[in-house]
Amino acid sequence: MLIDFKDEDFENKIKNEELSVIQFSASWCAPCKQLKPVMEKLSEDYKDRANFYITDIENDGINTGSAAGIRGVPTVIVYKRGQEVSRKVGGVPEAHMRNFLKENLYQ
């Protein structure tokens, strides 16, 4: 399940979770809309490894997106206790995102 993320969640949740995955998106972004159902599916597949979030960089995630240096959407970032582990920028097929998550959630 993708959880709606707000900036305050970074301090309250992300910094305290072993692994977190955030999809940074924008309402006008077509690739973001295409990636969302993929991330929904993968969040179910990997729910035992990490919590999955989604946020709009122009709304609820504006400060977190800015702090992370988001330059393009969609961007998916894996965090370990609030520290960035890796990121994937752009709309990618499910197989590529699955491989990215496997590489970063099972280290």
C-alpha atoms as a PDB file:
ATOM      1  CA  MET A   1       0.000   0.000   0.000  1.00  0.00           C
ATOM      2  CA  LEU A   2       1.275   3.449  -0.892  1.00  0.00           C
ATOM      3  CA  ILE A   3       0.933   5.816   2.060  1.00  0.00           C
ATOM      4  CA  ASP A   4       0.334   9.515   1.402  1.00  0.00           C
ATOM      5  CA  PHE A   5       3.434  11.370   2.601  1.00  0.00           C
ATOM      6  CA  LYS A   6       3.586  14.835   4.136  1.00  0.00           C
ATOM      7  CA  ASP A   7       6.782  16.741   4.970  1.00  0.00           C
ATOM      8  CA  GLU A   8       6.374  16.199   8.721  1.00  0.00           C
ATOM      9  CA  ASP A   9       6.411  12.425   8.130  1.00  0.00           C
ATOM     10  CA  PHE A  10      10.143  12.590   7.416  1.00  0.00           C
ATOM     11  CA  GLU A  11      10.943  13.382  11.044  1.00  0.00           C
ATOM     12  CA  ASN A  12       8.070  11.335  12.495  1.00  0.00           C
ATOM     13  CA  LYS A  13       8.387   8.199  10.337  1.00  0.00           C
ATOM     14  CA  ILE A  14      11.207   8.015   7.768  1.00  0.00           C
ATOM     15  CA  LYS A  15      14.020   8.717  10.241  1.00  0.00           C
ATOM     16  CA  ASN A  16      12.701   5.953  12.521  1.00  0.00           C
ATOM     17  CA  GLU A  17      12.036   3.270   9.922  1.00  0.00           C
ATOM     18  CA  GLU A  18      14.667   0.733   8.922  1.00  0.00           C
ATOM     19  CA  LEU A  19      13.771   1.115   5.219  1.00  0.00           C
ATOM     20  CA  SER A  20      11.389   3.514   3.488  1.00  0.00           C
ATOM     21  CA  VAL A  21      10.635   4.118  -0.179  1.00  0.00           C
ATOM     22  CA  ILE A  22       9.197   7.451  -1.349  1.00  0.00           C
ATOM     23  CA  GLN A  23       7.853   8.150  -4.837  1.00  0.00           C
ATOM     24  CA  PHE A  24       8.139  11.884  -5.490  1.00  0.00           C
ATOM     25  CA  SER A  25       5.515  12.896  -8.050  1.00  0.00           C
ATOM     26  CA  ALA A  26       3.543  15.827  -9.406  1.00  0.00           C
ATOM     27  CA  SER A  27      -0.138  16.013 -10.338  1.00  0.00           C
ATOM     28  CA  TRP A  28       0.673  17.118 -13.915  1.00  0.00           C
ATOM     29  CA  CYS A  29       3.229  14.341 -14.530  1.00  0.00           C
ATOM     30  CA  ALA A  30       2.054  11.556 -16.876  1.00  0.00           C
ATOM     31  CA  PRO A  31       4.980   9.182 -16.098  1.00  0.00           C
ATOM     32  CA  CYS A  32       4.205   9.647 -12.389  1.00  0.00           C
ATOM     33  CA  LYS A  33       0.632   8.530 -12.976  1.00  0.00           C
ATOM     34  CA  GLN A  34       1.893   5.495 -14.900  1.00  0.00           C
ATOM     35  CA  LEU A  35       4.357   4.580 -12.159  1.00  0.00           C
ATOM     36  CA  LYS A  36       1.855   4.831  -9.295  1.00  0.00           C
ATOM     37  CA  PRO A  37       0.055   1.487  -9.939  1.00  0.00           C
ATOM     38  CA  VAL A  38       3.444  -0.198 -10.382  1.00  0.00           C
ATOM     39  CA  MET A  39       4.547   1.147  -7.015  1.00  0.00           C
ATOM     40  CA  GLU A  40       1.214   0.084  -5.474  1.00  0.00           C
ATOM     41  CA  LYS A  41       1.865  -3.472  -6.639  1.00  0.00           C
ATOM     42  CA  LEU A  42       5.487  -3.489  -5.544  1.00  0.00           C
ATOM     43  CA  SER A  43       4.567  -2.016  -2.160  1.00  0.00           C
ATOM     44  CA  GLU A  44       2.441  -5.118  -1.577  1.00  0.00           C
ATOM     45  CA  ASP A  45       5.188  -7.438  -2.817  1.00  0.00           C
ATOM     46  CA  TYR A  46       7.796  -5.859  -0.527  1.00  0.00           C
ATOM     47  CA  LYS A  47       5.617  -4.832   2.433  1.00  0.00           C
ATOM     48  CA  ASP A  48       7.725  -7.012   4.731  1.00  0.00           C
ATOM     49  CA  ARG A  49      10.891  -5.057   3.782  1.00  0.00           C
ATOM     50  CA  ALA A  50       9.873  -1.375   3.722  1.00  0.00           C
ATOM     51  CA  ASN A  51       7.083   1.159   4.001  1.00  0.00           C
ATOM     52  CA  PHE A  52       6.140   2.801   0.706  1.00  0.00           C
ATOM     53  CA  TYR A  53       5.063   6.420   0.380  1.00  0.00           C
ATOM     54  CA  ILE A  54       3.956   8.773  -2.381  1.00  0.00           C
ATOM     55  CA  THR A  55       4.069  12.549  -2.293  1.00  0.00           C
ATOM     56  CA  ASP A  56       3.510  15.543  -4.559  1.00  0.00           C
ATOM     57  CA  ILE A  57       6.594  17.757  -4.743  1.00  0.00           C
ATOM     58  CA  GLU A  58       4.432  20.828  -5.284  1.00  0.00           C
ATOM     59  CA  ASN A  59       2.178  20.131  -2.336  1.00  0.00           C
ATOM     60  CA  ASP A  60       2.636  17.888   0.718  1.00  0.00           C
ATOM     61  CA  GLY A  61       6.245  16.937  -0.061  1.00  0.00           C
ATOM     62  CA  ILE A  62       7.622  20.275  -1.223  1.00  0.00           C
ATOM     63  CA  ASN A  63      10.195  20.675   1.576  1.00  0.00           C
ATOM     64  CA  THR A  64      11.325  17.044   1.556  1.00  0.00           C
ATOM     65  CA  GLY A  65      11.604  17.085  -2.237  1.00  0.00           C
ATOM     66  CA  SER A  66      13.639  20.270  -2.113  1.00  0.00           C
ATOM     67  CA  ALA A  67      15.931  18.899   0.619  1.00  0.00           C
ATOM     68  CA  ALA A  68      16.446  15.726  -1.449  1.00  0.00           C
ATOM     69  CA  GLY A  69      17.381  17.779  -4.506  1.00  0.00           C
ATOM     70  CA  ILE A  70      14.572  16.422  -6.664  1.00  0.00           C
ATOM     71  CA  ARG A  71      15.091  17.797 -10.185  1.00  0.00           C
ATOM     72  CA  GLY A  72      12.689  15.586 -12.119  1.00  0.00           C
ATOM     73  CA  VAL A  73       9.695  13.406 -11.435  1.00  0.00           C
ATOM     74  CA  PRO A  74       8.972  10.675 -10.906  1.00  0.00           C
ATOM     75  CA  THR A  75      11.889  10.037  -8.575  1.00  0.00           C
ATOM     76  CA  VAL A  76      11.895   7.069  -6.211  1.00  0.00           C
ATOM     77  CA  ILE A  77      14.272   7.233  -3.244  1.00  0.00           C
ATOM     78  CA  VAL A  78      15.100   4.434  -0.819  1.00  0.00           C
ATOM     79  CA  TYR A  79      15.927   5.645   2.704  1.00  0.00           C
ATOM     80  CA  LYS A  80      17.494   3.766   5.588  1.00  0.00           C
ATOM     81  CA  ARG A  81      16.660   5.494   8.876  1.00  0.00           C
ATOM     82  CA  GLY A  82      16.314   8.802   7.029  1.00  0.00           C
ATOM     83  CA  GLN A  83      19.530   8.504   5.018  1.00  0.00           C
ATOM     84  CA  GLU A  84      19.282   8.150   1.251  1.00  0.00           C
ATOM     85  CA  VAL A  85      20.503   4.762   0.023  1.00  0.00           C
ATOM     86  CA  SER A  86      19.690   5.067  -3.673  1.00  0.00           C
ATOM     87  CA  ARG A  87      17.391   6.758  -6.168  1.00  0.00           C
ATOM     88  CA  LYS A  88      15.786   6.004  -9.519  1.00  0.00           C
ATOM     89  CA  VAL A  89      14.697   8.919 -11.696  1.00  0.00           C
ATOM     90  CA  GLY A  90      12.105   8.707 -14.447  1.00  0.00           C
ATOM     91  CA  GLY A  91       9.291   6.434 -15.425  1.00  0.00           C
ATOM     92  CA  VAL A  92      10.604   2.894 -15.774  1.00  0.00           C
ATOM     93  CA  PRO A  93       8.987  -0.459 -16.514  1.00  0.00           C
ATOM     94  CA  GLU A  94       7.922  -2.631 -13.583  1.00  0.00           C
ATOM     95  CA  ALA A  95      10.826  -5.050 -14.108  1.00  0.00           C
ATOM     96  CA  HIS A  96      13.390  -2.234 -13.771  1.00  0.00           C
ATOM     97  CA  MET A  97      11.744  -0.880 -10.624  1.00  0.00           C
ATOM     98  CA  ARG A  98      11.524  -4.394  -9.156  1.00  0.00           C
ATOM     99  CA  ASN A  99      15.269  -4.909  -9.778  1.00  0.00           C
ATOM    100  CA  PHE A 100      16.051  -1.502  -8.252  1.00  0.00           C
ATOM    101  CA  LEU A 101      14.070  -2.381  -5.128  1.00  0.00           C
ATOM    102  CA  LYS A 102      15.609  -5.860  -4.840  1.00  0.00           C
ATOM    103  CA  GLU A 103      19.097  -4.342  -5.022  1.00  0.00           C
ATOM    104  CA  ASN A 104      18.334  -1.810  -2.298  1.00  0.00           C
ATOM    105  CA  LEU A 105      15.937  -3.595   0.051  1.00  0.00           C
ATOM    106  CA  TYR A 106      17.974  -6.772   0.412  1.00  0.00           C
ATOM    107  CA  GLN A 107      21.478  -5.501   1.204  1.00  0.00           C
END
